[in-house]
């Protein structure tokens, strides 16, 4: 979860910086939020490209591990593992 938290934490820092810059520019209310959100979105597209790629890679690997685990669980145990030996039905002799 490291890349996910890192990317989103940096996105929040960019949003805070853009909101602060817009506030210093004298914007208030809806224009402040609009400029902050749009500015941080555009900046994060360029500035956080490496972190976004790392996050997507980590999420893709986690999804592949979960899919592999589901496939293994659906297939059951490999041959010979967990199988009980078959014993012939031994009845009374004679």
Protein backbone atom coordinates (compact mmCIF):
# COMPACT_ATOMS: atom_id res chain seq x y z
CA UNK A 1 0.00 0.00 0.00
CA UNK A 2 3.07 2.25 0.09
CA UNK A 3 2.85 3.61 -3.48
CA UNK A 4 -0.90 4.21 -3.11
CA UNK A 5 -0.48 6.24 0.08
CA UNK A 6 2.53 8.11 -1.28
CA UNK A 7 0.75 9.15 -4.49
CA UNK A 8 -2.44 10.25 -2.77
CA UNK A 9 -0.52 12.05 -0.02
CA UNK A 10 1.40 14.01 -2.63
CA UNK A 11 -1.86 14.78 -4.44
CA UNK A 12 -3.24 16.24 -1.19
CA UNK A 13 -0.08 18.32 -0.73
CA UNK A 14 -0.44 19.67 -4.27
CA UNK A 15 -4.09 20.48 -3.59
CA UNK A 16 -3.14 22.32 -0.41
CA UNK A 17 -0.43 24.26 -2.24
CA UNK A 18 -2.79 25.24 -5.05
CA UNK A 19 -5.49 26.26 -2.59
CA UNK A 20 -2.95 28.31 -0.66
CA UNK A 21 -1.71 30.02 -3.81
CA UNK A 22 -5.27 30.80 -4.91
CA UNK A 23 -6.08 32.13 -1.44
CA UNK A 24 -3.03 34.39 -1.54
CA UNK A 25 -4.19 35.59 -4.97
CA UNK A 26 -7.38 36.79 -3.30
CA UNK A 27 -9.83 34.11 -4.44
CA UNK A 28 -12.62 33.04 -2.08
CA UNK A 29 -15.47 30.53 -2.17
CA UNK A 30 -16.22 28.50 -5.28
CA UNK A 31 -13.52 30.11 -7.46
CA UNK A 32 -10.94 29.19 -4.79
CA UNK A 33 -12.01 25.55 -4.87
CA UNK A 34 -12.24 25.46 -8.65
CA UNK A 35 -8.76 26.89 -9.17
CA UNK A 36 -7.33 24.66 -6.43
CA UNK A 37 -8.82 21.45 -7.83
CA UNK A 38 -8.05 22.20 -11.47
CA UNK A 39 -4.55 23.44 -10.72
CA UNK A 40 -3.64 20.44 -8.57
CA UNK A 41 -5.12 18.05 -11.15
CA UNK A 42 -3.06 19.49 -13.99
CA UNK A 43 0.11 19.69 -11.89
CA UNK A 44 -0.24 16.15 -10.57
CA UNK A 45 -0.59 14.81 -14.13
CA UNK A 46 2.91 16.06 -14.92
CA UNK A 47 4.66 16.20 -11.55
CA UNK A 48 3.47 12.86 -10.14
CA UNK A 49 3.75 10.69 -13.28
CA UNK A 50 6.45 8.46 -11.75
CA UNK A 51 4.50 7.96 -8.52
CA UNK A 52 1.31 7.23 -10.47
CA UNK A 53 3.12 4.59 -12.54
CA UNK A 54 4.46 2.96 -9.37
CA UNK A 55 1.00 2.96 -7.80
CA UNK A 56 -0.59 1.39 -10.89
CA UNK A 57 2.16 -1.26 -10.98
CA UNK A 58 1.62 -2.14 -7.32
CA UNK A 59 -2.16 -2.33 -7.76
CA UNK A 60 -1.76 -4.50 -10.88
CA UNK A 61 0.57 -6.90 -9.06
CA UNK A 62 -1.82 -7.15 -6.11
CA UNK A 63 -4.73 -7.89 -8.46
CA UNK A 64 -2.68 -10.58 -10.24
CA UNK A 65 -1.77 -12.21 -6.90
CA UNK A 66 -5.45 -12.25 -5.87
CA UNK A 67 -6.46 -13.74 -9.23
CA UNK A 68 -3.77 -16.43 -8.96
CA UNK A 69 -4.95 -17.30 -5.46
CA UNK A 70 -8.56 -17.59 -6.70
CA UNK A 71 -7.50 -19.86 -9.56
CA UNK A 72 -5.44 -22.07 -7.25
CA UNK A 73 -8.30 -22.30 -4.75
CA UNK A 74 -10.79 -23.22 -7.48
CA UNK A 75 -8.47 -25.90 -8.90
CA UNK A 76 -8.15 -27.68 -5.57
CA UNK A 77 -5.02 -29.26 -4.19
CA UNK A 78 -2.36 -30.60 -6.55
CA UNK A 79 -2.34 -34.35 -7.25
CA UNK A 80 -1.36 -36.40 -4.27
CA UNK A 81 -1.67 -33.64 -1.70
CA UNK A 82 -4.51 -34.08 0.69
CA UNK A 83 -5.68 -37.27 -1.03
CA UNK A 84 -6.59 -40.19 1.16
CA UNK A 85 -5.22 -43.58 0.19
CA UNK A 86 -7.79 -45.90 -1.25
CA UNK A 87 -8.00 -49.16 0.64
CA UNK A 88 -9.76 -52.16 -0.79
CA UNK A 89 -12.94 -53.25 0.90
CA UNK A 90 -11.83 -56.09 3.09
CA UNK A 91 -14.66 -58.31 4.14
CA UNK A 92 -14.76 -61.58 6.03
CA UNK A 93 -12.61 -64.22 4.44
CA UNK A 94 -13.43 -67.67 4.28
